[in-house]
């Protein structure tokens, strides 16, 4: 786990290096104000890395099999309510399935539409998970085939919570979070020259090009 304070310190270090290179002071903001901006932007930076990375996990969590069950919706699927902090699926498997699902398909995708027919619907050897919403508007996963609804495992990447820090993340991707956050901060203050450089470095780290960092 990487504490939020440590992430803020990393981003401030990048800002200080950039300002020294440019021989400029960073805007007219005091330290406390800059830290508040960083904290506000960290969730967005984490989400960008989760979407952009070629491999690895960022802020990974596991739900105990006994902590959640899926209910049969009567149309061949089990409905699993997703955690409030759900961001990206890593792996999900019901007891009867022969393999896990590692992707949550959009509701209007070809894979989702194939589940409307018993002739094209997924089976235990190639199960499918589709994103949806229940009557209360909560995000759910529709799991095909339904089976008993008992989970074997459910692993996902979570939305960043400043109170908990960054969990399940290696050093390279944690640095990518810091670079993305620095890029976002410079974008907010319309310093596109520096924002572009940090964005390029963050993208390189997400693609495993560790040698290109500052």
C-alpha atoms as a PDB file:
ATOM      1  CA  UNK A   1       0.000   0.000   0.000  1.00  0.00           C
ATOM      2  CA  UNK A   2       1.223   3.495  -0.865  1.00  0.00           C
ATOM      3  CA  UNK A   3      -0.069   6.157   1.504  1.00  0.00           C
ATOM      4  CA  UNK A   4      -1.809   9.217   0.083  1.00  0.00           C
ATOM      5  CA  UNK A   5       0.763  11.480   1.766  1.00  0.00           C
ATOM      6  CA  UNK A   6       3.502   9.655  -0.134  1.00  0.00           C
ATOM      7  CA  UNK A   7       1.683  10.150  -3.443  1.00  0.00           C
ATOM      8  CA  UNK A   8       1.274  13.863  -2.732  1.00  0.00           C
ATOM      9  CA  UNK A   9       4.986  14.074  -1.914  1.00  0.00           C
ATOM     10  CA  UNK A  10       5.872  12.375  -5.228  1.00  0.00           C
ATOM     11  CA  UNK A  11       3.740  14.801  -7.226  1.00  0.00           C
ATOM     12  CA  UNK A  12       5.195  17.814  -5.400  1.00  0.00           C
ATOM     13  CA  UNK A  13       8.680  16.503  -6.130  1.00  0.00           C
ATOM     14  CA  UNK A  14       7.879  16.382  -9.849  1.00  0.00           C
ATOM     15  CA  UNK A  15       6.494  19.913  -9.736  1.00  0.00           C
ATOM     16  CA  UNK A  16       9.598  21.205  -7.976  1.00  0.00           C
ATOM     17  CA  UNK A  17      11.885  19.573 -10.563  1.00  0.00           C
ATOM     18  CA  UNK A  18       9.888  21.062 -13.429  1.00  0.00           C
ATOM     19  CA  UNK A  19       9.922  24.548 -11.938  1.00  0.00           C
ATOM     20  CA  UNK A  20      13.661  24.396 -11.316  1.00  0.00           C
ATOM     21  CA  UNK A  21      14.189  23.388 -14.945  1.00  0.00           C
ATOM     22  CA  UNK A  22      12.143  26.386 -16.109  1.00  0.00           C
ATOM     23  CA  UNK A  23      13.676  28.765 -13.546  1.00  0.00           C
ATOM     24  CA  UNK A  24      10.150  29.791 -12.547  1.00  0.00           C
ATOM     25  CA  UNK A  25       8.109  29.706  -9.373  1.00  0.00           C
ATOM     26  CA  UNK A  26       5.021  27.531  -9.490  1.00  0.00           C
ATOM     27  CA  UNK A  27       2.215  30.022  -9.999  1.00  0.00           C
ATOM     28  CA  UNK A  28       1.380  32.049  -6.905  1.00  0.00           C
ATOM     29  CA  UNK A  29      -0.159  29.215  -4.890  1.00  0.00           C
ATOM     30  CA  UNK A  30       1.032  28.307  -1.395  1.00  0.00           C
ATOM     31  CA  UNK A  31       2.012  24.748  -0.423  1.00  0.00           C
ATOM     32  CA  UNK A  32      -1.298  23.951   1.248  1.00  0.00           C
ATOM     33  CA  UNK A  33      -3.286  25.041  -1.782  1.00  0.00           C
ATOM     34  CA  UNK A  34      -1.151  22.964  -4.145  1.00  0.00           C
ATOM     35  CA  UNK A  35      -1.600  19.894  -1.924  1.00  0.00           C
ATOM     36  CA  UNK A  36      -5.367  20.384  -2.019  1.00  0.00           C
ATOM     37  CA  UNK A  37      -5.280  20.506  -5.818  1.00  0.00           C
ATOM     38  CA  UNK A  38      -3.218  17.294  -5.881  1.00  0.00           C
ATOM     39  CA  UNK A  39      -5.642  15.479  -3.567  1.00  0.00           C
ATOM     40  CA  UNK A  40      -8.561  16.555  -5.738  1.00  0.00           C
ATOM     41  CA  UNK A  41      -6.890  15.280  -8.920  1.00  0.00           C
ATOM     42  CA  UNK A  42      -5.463  11.982  -7.619  1.00  0.00           C
ATOM     43  CA  UNK A  43      -8.683   9.966  -8.224  1.00  0.00           C
ATOM     44  CA  UNK A  44      -8.699  11.099 -11.858  1.00  0.00           C
ATOM     45  CA  UNK A  45      -4.996  10.270 -12.223  1.00  0.00           C
ATOM     46  CA  UNK A  46      -5.549   6.762 -10.811  1.00  0.00           C
ATOM     47  CA  UNK A  47      -8.467   6.223 -13.214  1.00  0.00           C
ATOM     48  CA  UNK A  48      -6.295   7.275 -16.157  1.00  0.00           C
ATOM     49  CA  UNK A  49      -3.624   4.728 -15.242  1.00  0.00           C
ATOM     50  CA  UNK A  50      -6.248   1.996 -14.788  1.00  0.00           C
ATOM     51  CA  UNK A  51      -7.543   2.701 -18.304  1.00  0.00           C
ATOM     52  CA  UNK A  52      -4.149   3.219 -19.976  1.00  0.00           C
ATOM     53  CA  UNK A  53      -1.819   0.588 -18.518  1.00  0.00           C
ATOM     54  CA  UNK A  54      -0.699  -2.298 -20.695  1.00  0.00           C
ATOM     55  CA  UNK A  55      -0.422  -4.680 -17.731  1.00  0.00           C
ATOM     56  CA  UNK A  56      -0.340  -4.731 -13.953  1.00  0.00           C
ATOM     57  CA  UNK A  57      -2.934  -3.751 -11.368  1.00  0.00           C
ATOM     58  CA  UNK A  58      -3.776  -0.440  -9.744  1.00  0.00           C
ATOM     59  CA  UNK A  59      -5.735  -0.158  -6.496  1.00  0.00           C
ATOM     60  CA  UNK A  60      -6.748  -3.824  -6.630  1.00  0.00           C
ATOM     61  CA  UNK A  61      -9.306  -5.297  -4.212  1.00  0.00           C
ATOM     62  CA  UNK A  62     -10.812  -8.742  -3.641  1.00  0.00           C
ATOM     63  CA  UNK A  63     -14.348  -9.513  -2.477  1.00  0.00           C
ATOM     64  CA  UNK A  64     -14.662 -12.590  -0.260  1.00  0.00           C
ATOM     65  CA  UNK A  65     -16.923 -15.251  -1.880  1.00  0.00           C
ATOM     66  CA  UNK A  66     -19.185 -15.210   1.184  1.00  0.00           C
ATOM     67  CA  UNK A  67     -19.570 -11.430   1.070  1.00  0.00           C
ATOM     68  CA  UNK A  68     -21.571 -11.268  -2.159  1.00  0.00           C
ATOM     69  CA  UNK A  69     -23.911 -13.497  -4.100  1.00  0.00           C
ATOM     70  CA  UNK A  70     -25.619 -13.053  -7.445  1.00  0.00           C
ATOM     71  CA  UNK A  71     -29.365 -13.512  -7.887  1.00  0.00           C
ATOM     72  CA  UNK A  72     -30.912 -15.194 -10.959  1.00  0.00           C
ATOM     73  CA  UNK A  73     -32.891 -12.608 -12.940  1.00  0.00           C
ATOM     74  CA  UNK A  74     -35.046 -15.227 -14.686  1.00  0.00           C
ATOM     75  CA  UNK A  75     -33.488 -14.555 -18.100  1.00  0.00           C
ATOM     76  CA  UNK A  76     -30.441 -16.769 -17.863  1.00  0.00           C
ATOM     77  CA  UNK A  77     -28.209 -14.384 -15.917  1.00  0.00           C
ATOM     78  CA  UNK A  78     -27.221 -13.764 -12.346  1.00  0.00           C
ATOM     79  CA  UNK A  79     -27.235 -10.157 -11.180  1.00  0.00           C
ATOM     80  CA  UNK A  80     -24.312  -9.073  -9.015  1.00  0.00           C
ATOM     81  CA  UNK A  81     -24.437  -5.575  -7.516  1.00  0.00           C
ATOM     82  CA  UNK A  82     -21.030  -3.982  -8.005  1.00  0.00           C
ATOM     83  CA  UNK A  83     -19.231  -2.303  -5.078  1.00  0.00           C
ATOM     84  CA  UNK A  84     -19.616   1.464  -4.844  1.00  0.00           C
ATOM     85  CA  UNK A  85     -15.880   1.886  -5.499  1.00  0.00           C
ATOM     86  CA  UNK A  86     -15.788  -0.451  -8.516  1.00  0.00           C
ATOM     87  CA  UNK A  87     -13.681   0.843 -11.429  1.00  0.00           C
ATOM     88  CA  UNK A  88     -12.413  -2.051 -13.594  1.00  0.00           C
ATOM     89  CA  UNK A  89     -12.893  -5.816 -13.584  1.00  0.00           C
ATOM     90  CA  UNK A  90      -9.825  -7.982 -12.998  1.00  0.00           C
ATOM     91  CA  UNK A  91     -11.361 -11.450 -12.598  1.00  0.00           C
ATOM     92  CA  UNK A  92     -14.774 -12.838 -11.645  1.00  0.00           C
ATOM     93  CA  UNK A  93     -15.868 -16.463 -11.529  1.00  0.00           C
ATOM     94  CA  UNK A  94     -18.968 -18.334 -10.368  1.00  0.00           C
ATOM     95  CA  UNK A  95     -18.623 -21.789  -8.822  1.00  0.00           C
ATOM     96  CA  UNK A  96     -19.982 -23.609 -11.892  1.00  0.00           C
ATOM     97  CA  UNK A  97     -17.868 -21.782 -14.452  1.00  0.00           C
ATOM     98  CA  UNK A  98     -14.847 -23.511 -15.955  1.00  0.00           C
ATOM     99  CA  UNK A  99     -12.994 -20.220 -16.419  1.00  0.00           C
ATOM    100  CA  UNK A 100     -13.273 -16.647 -15.100  1.00  0.00           C
ATOM    101  CA  UNK A 101     -14.466 -13.485 -16.822  1.00  0.00           C
ATOM    102  CA  UNK A 102     -11.780 -10.834 -17.066  1.00  0.00           C
ATOM    103  CA  UNK A 103     -13.825  -8.183 -18.844  1.00  0.00           C
ATOM    104  CA  UNK A 104     -17.156  -6.507 -18.178  1.00  0.00           C
ATOM    105  CA  UNK A 105     -18.730  -5.886 -21.586  1.00  0.00           C
ATOM    106  CA  UNK A 106     -20.778  -2.718 -22.291  1.00  0.00           C
ATOM    107  CA  UNK A 107     -24.582  -3.239 -22.395  1.00  0.00           C
ATOM    108  CA  UNK A 108     -24.884  -2.551 -26.142  1.00  0.00           C
ATOM    109  CA  UNK A 109     -21.874  -4.580 -27.269  1.00  0.00           C
ATOM    110  CA  UNK A 110     -22.132  -7.608 -29.545  1.00  0.00           C
ATOM    111  CA  UNK A 111     -21.297  -9.891 -26.624  1.00  0.00           C
ATOM    112  CA  UNK A 112     -24.129  -8.392 -24.594  1.00  0.00           C
ATOM    113  CA  UNK A 113     -26.691  -8.744 -27.408  1.00  0.00           C
ATOM    114  CA  UNK A 114     -25.703 -12.380 -27.923  1.00  0.00           C
ATOM    115  CA  UNK A 115     -26.985 -13.146 -24.410  1.00  0.00           C
ATOM    116  CA  UNK A 116     -30.574 -12.312 -25.447  1.00  0.00           C
ATOM    117  CA  UNK A 117     -30.922 -15.647 -27.196  1.00  0.00           C
ATOM    118  CA  UNK A 118     -30.607 -19.130 -25.677  1.00  0.00           C
ATOM    119  CA  UNK A 119     -28.888 -20.195 -28.911  1.00  0.00           C
ATOM    120  CA  UNK A 120     -26.039 -17.678 -28.690  1.00  0.00           C
ATOM    121  CA  UNK A 121     -25.847 -17.275 -24.911  1.00  0.00           C
ATOM    122  CA  UNK A 122     -22.568 -18.023 -23.135  1.00  0.00           C
ATOM    123  CA  UNK A 123     -21.862 -21.341 -21.425  1.00  0.00           C
ATOM    124  CA  UNK A 124     -19.746 -22.482 -18.479  1.00  0.00           C
ATOM    125  CA  UNK A 125     -16.671 -22.893 -20.669  1.00  0.00           C
ATOM    126  CA  UNK A 126     -16.861 -19.346 -22.029  1.00  0.00           C
ATOM    127  CA  UNK A 127     -18.897 -17.243 -19.568  1.00  0.00           C
ATOM    128  CA  UNK A 128     -19.700 -13.590 -20.185  1.00  0.00           C
ATOM    129  CA  UNK A 129     -20.182 -10.629 -17.824  1.00  0.00           C
ATOM    130  CA  UNK A 130     -22.161  -7.600 -18.997  1.00  0.00           C
ATOM    131  CA  UNK A 131     -22.519  -4.244 -17.279  1.00  0.00           C
ATOM    132  CA  UNK A 132     -26.020  -3.071 -16.415  1.00  0.00           C
ATOM    133  CA  UNK A 133     -28.100  -1.249 -13.826  1.00  0.00           C
ATOM    134  CA  UNK A 134     -30.827  -2.372 -11.423  1.00  0.00           C
ATOM    135  CA  UNK A 135     -34.129  -0.664 -10.660  1.00  0.00           C
ATOM    136  CA  UNK A 136     -32.430   1.623  -8.149  1.00  0.00           C
ATOM    137  CA  UNK A 137     -29.847   2.735 -10.694  1.00  0.00           C
ATOM    138  CA  UNK A 138     -26.987   0.822  -9.070  1.00  0.00           C
ATOM    139  CA  UNK A 139     -24.325  -0.639 -11.352  1.00  0.00           C
ATOM    140  CA  UNK A 140     -24.550  -4.415 -11.673  1.00  0.00           C
ATOM    141  CA  UNK A 141     -22.837  -7.234 -13.523  1.00  0.00           C
ATOM    142  CA  UNK A 142     -25.084  -9.610 -15.463  1.00  0.00           C
ATOM    143  CA  UNK A 143     -23.364 -12.989 -15.364  1.00  0.00           C
ATOM    144  CA  UNK A 144     -24.019 -15.646 -18.026  1.00  0.00           C
ATOM    145  CA  UNK A 145     -24.715 -18.508 -17.479  1.00  0.00           C
ATOM    146  CA  UNK A 146     -26.499 -18.001 -14.170  1.00  0.00           C
ATOM    147  CA  UNK A 147     -25.606 -21.134 -12.243  1.00  0.00           C
ATOM    148  CA  UNK A 148     -26.160 -21.000  -8.485  1.00  0.00           C
ATOM    149  CA  UNK A 149     -24.901 -17.439  -8.179  1.00  0.00           C
ATOM    150  CA  UNK A 150     -22.187 -18.472  -5.724  1.00  0.00           C
ATOM    151  CA  UNK A 151     -18.885 -16.672  -6.267  1.00  0.00           C
ATOM    152  CA  UNK A 152     -15.583 -18.462  -6.504  1.00  0.00           C
ATOM    153  CA  UNK A 153     -13.748 -15.138  -6.600  1.00  0.00           C
ATOM    154  CA  UNK A 154     -14.260 -11.482  -7.517  1.00  0.00           C
ATOM    155  CA  UNK A 155     -11.257  -9.191  -7.994  1.00  0.00           C
ATOM    156  CA  UNK A 156     -11.509  -5.620  -9.235  1.00  0.00           C
ATOM    157  CA  UNK A 157      -9.675  -2.305  -9.430  1.00  0.00           C
ATOM    158  CA  UNK A 158     -11.220   0.328  -7.195  1.00  0.00           C
ATOM    159  CA  UNK A 159     -11.743   4.069  -7.362  1.00  0.00           C
ATOM    160  CA  UNK A 160      -9.024   5.876  -5.400  1.00  0.00           C
ATOM    161  CA  UNK A 161      -9.884   6.687  -1.789  1.00  0.00           C
ATOM    162  CA  UNK A 162      -7.562   9.244  -0.182  1.00  0.00           C
ATOM    163  CA  UNK A 163      -8.338   7.808   3.234  1.00  0.00           C
ATOM    164  CA  UNK A 164      -6.978   4.380   2.255  1.00  0.00           C
ATOM    165  CA  UNK A 165      -4.131   5.201  -0.123  1.00  0.00           C
ATOM    166  CA  UNK A 166      -3.152   3.234  -3.221  1.00  0.00           C
ATOM    167  CA  UNK A 167      -3.455  -0.533  -2.834  1.00  0.00           C
ATOM    168  CA  UNK A 168      -2.144  -3.348  -4.999  1.00  0.00           C
ATOM    169  CA  UNK A 169       0.100  -1.224  -7.210  1.00  0.00           C
ATOM    170  CA  UNK A 170       3.765  -1.568  -8.206  1.00  0.00           C
ATOM    171  CA  UNK A 171       6.298   1.274  -8.160  1.00  0.00           C
ATOM    172  CA  UNK A 172       6.193   1.973 -11.902  1.00  0.00           C
ATOM    173  CA  UNK A 173       2.419   2.386 -12.048  1.00  0.00           C
ATOM    174  CA  UNK A 174       2.445   4.438  -8.837  1.00  0.00           C
ATOM    175  CA  UNK A 175       4.901   6.767 -10.558  1.00  0.00           C
ATOM    176  CA  UNK A 176       2.576   6.871 -13.574  1.00  0.00           C
ATOM    177  CA  UNK A 177      -0.187   8.069 -11.225  1.00  0.00           C
ATOM    178  CA  UNK A 178       2.112  10.854  -9.999  1.00  0.00           C
ATOM    179  CA  UNK A 179       3.014  11.920 -13.550  1.00  0.00           C
ATOM    180  CA  UNK A 180      -0.626  11.945 -14.647  1.00  0.00           C
ATOM    181  CA  UNK A 181      -1.541  13.991 -11.582  1.00  0.00           C
ATOM    182  CA  UNK A 182       1.218  16.505 -12.353  1.00  0.00           C
ATOM    183  CA  UNK A 183       0.011  16.732 -15.963  1.00  0.00           C
ATOM    184  CA  UNK A 184      -3.568  17.342 -14.819  1.00  0.00           C
ATOM    185  CA  UNK A 185      -2.445  20.018 -12.375  1.00  0.00           C
ATOM    186  CA  UNK A 186      -0.462  21.915 -15.011  1.00  0.00           C
ATOM    187  CA  UNK A 187      -3.446  21.605 -17.377  1.00  0.00           C
ATOM    188  CA  UNK A 188      -5.717  23.193 -14.762  1.00  0.00           C
ATOM    189  CA  UNK A 189      -3.335  26.146 -14.527  1.00  0.00           C
ATOM    190  CA  UNK A 190      -2.890  26.308 -18.307  1.00  0.00           C
ATOM    191  CA  UNK A 191       0.774  25.367 -18.384  1.00  0.00           C
ATOM    192  CA  UNK A 192       0.465  23.136 -21.445  1.00  0.00           C
ATOM    193  CA  UNK A 193       4.213  23.088 -22.083  1.00  0.00           C
ATOM    194  CA  UNK A 194       4.853  21.205 -18.848  1.00  0.00           C
ATOM    195  CA  UNK A 195       1.564  19.271 -18.894  1.00  0.00           C
ATOM    196  CA  UNK A 196       2.437  17.683 -22.238  1.00  0.00           C
ATOM    197  CA  UNK A 197       5.801  16.453 -21.021  1.00  0.00           C
ATOM    198  CA  UNK A 198       4.345  14.824 -17.919  1.00  0.00           C
ATOM    199  CA  UNK A 199       1.550  13.265 -19.960  1.00  0.00           C
ATOM    200  CA  UNK A 200       4.070  11.666 -22.331  1.00  0.00           C
ATOM    201  CA  UNK A 201       6.072  10.262 -19.432  1.00  0.00           C
ATOM    202  CA  UNK A 202       2.953   8.895 -17.721  1.00  0.00           C
ATOM    203  CA  UNK A 203       1.911   7.170 -20.964  1.00  0.00           C
ATOM    204  CA  UNK A 204       5.396   5.681 -21.351  1.00  0.00           C
ATOM    205  CA  UNK A 205       5.278   4.248 -17.823  1.00  0.00           C
ATOM    206  CA  UNK A 206       1.839   2.753 -18.458  1.00  0.00           C
ATOM    207  CA  UNK A 207       3.323   1.028 -21.521  1.00  0.00           C
ATOM    208  CA  UNK A 208       6.198  -0.391 -19.475  1.00  0.00           C
ATOM    209  CA  UNK A 209       8.862   2.037 -20.743  1.00  0.00           C
ATOM    210  CA  UNK A 210      10.384   2.667 -17.338  1.00  0.00           C
ATOM    211  CA  UNK A 211      13.628   4.072 -18.788  1.00  0.00           C
ATOM    212  CA  UNK A 212      11.839   7.199 -20.047  1.00  0.00           C
ATOM    213  CA  UNK A 213      10.942   8.602 -16.633  1.00  0.00           C
ATOM    214  CA  UNK A 214      12.604  11.742 -15.352  1.00  0.00           C
END
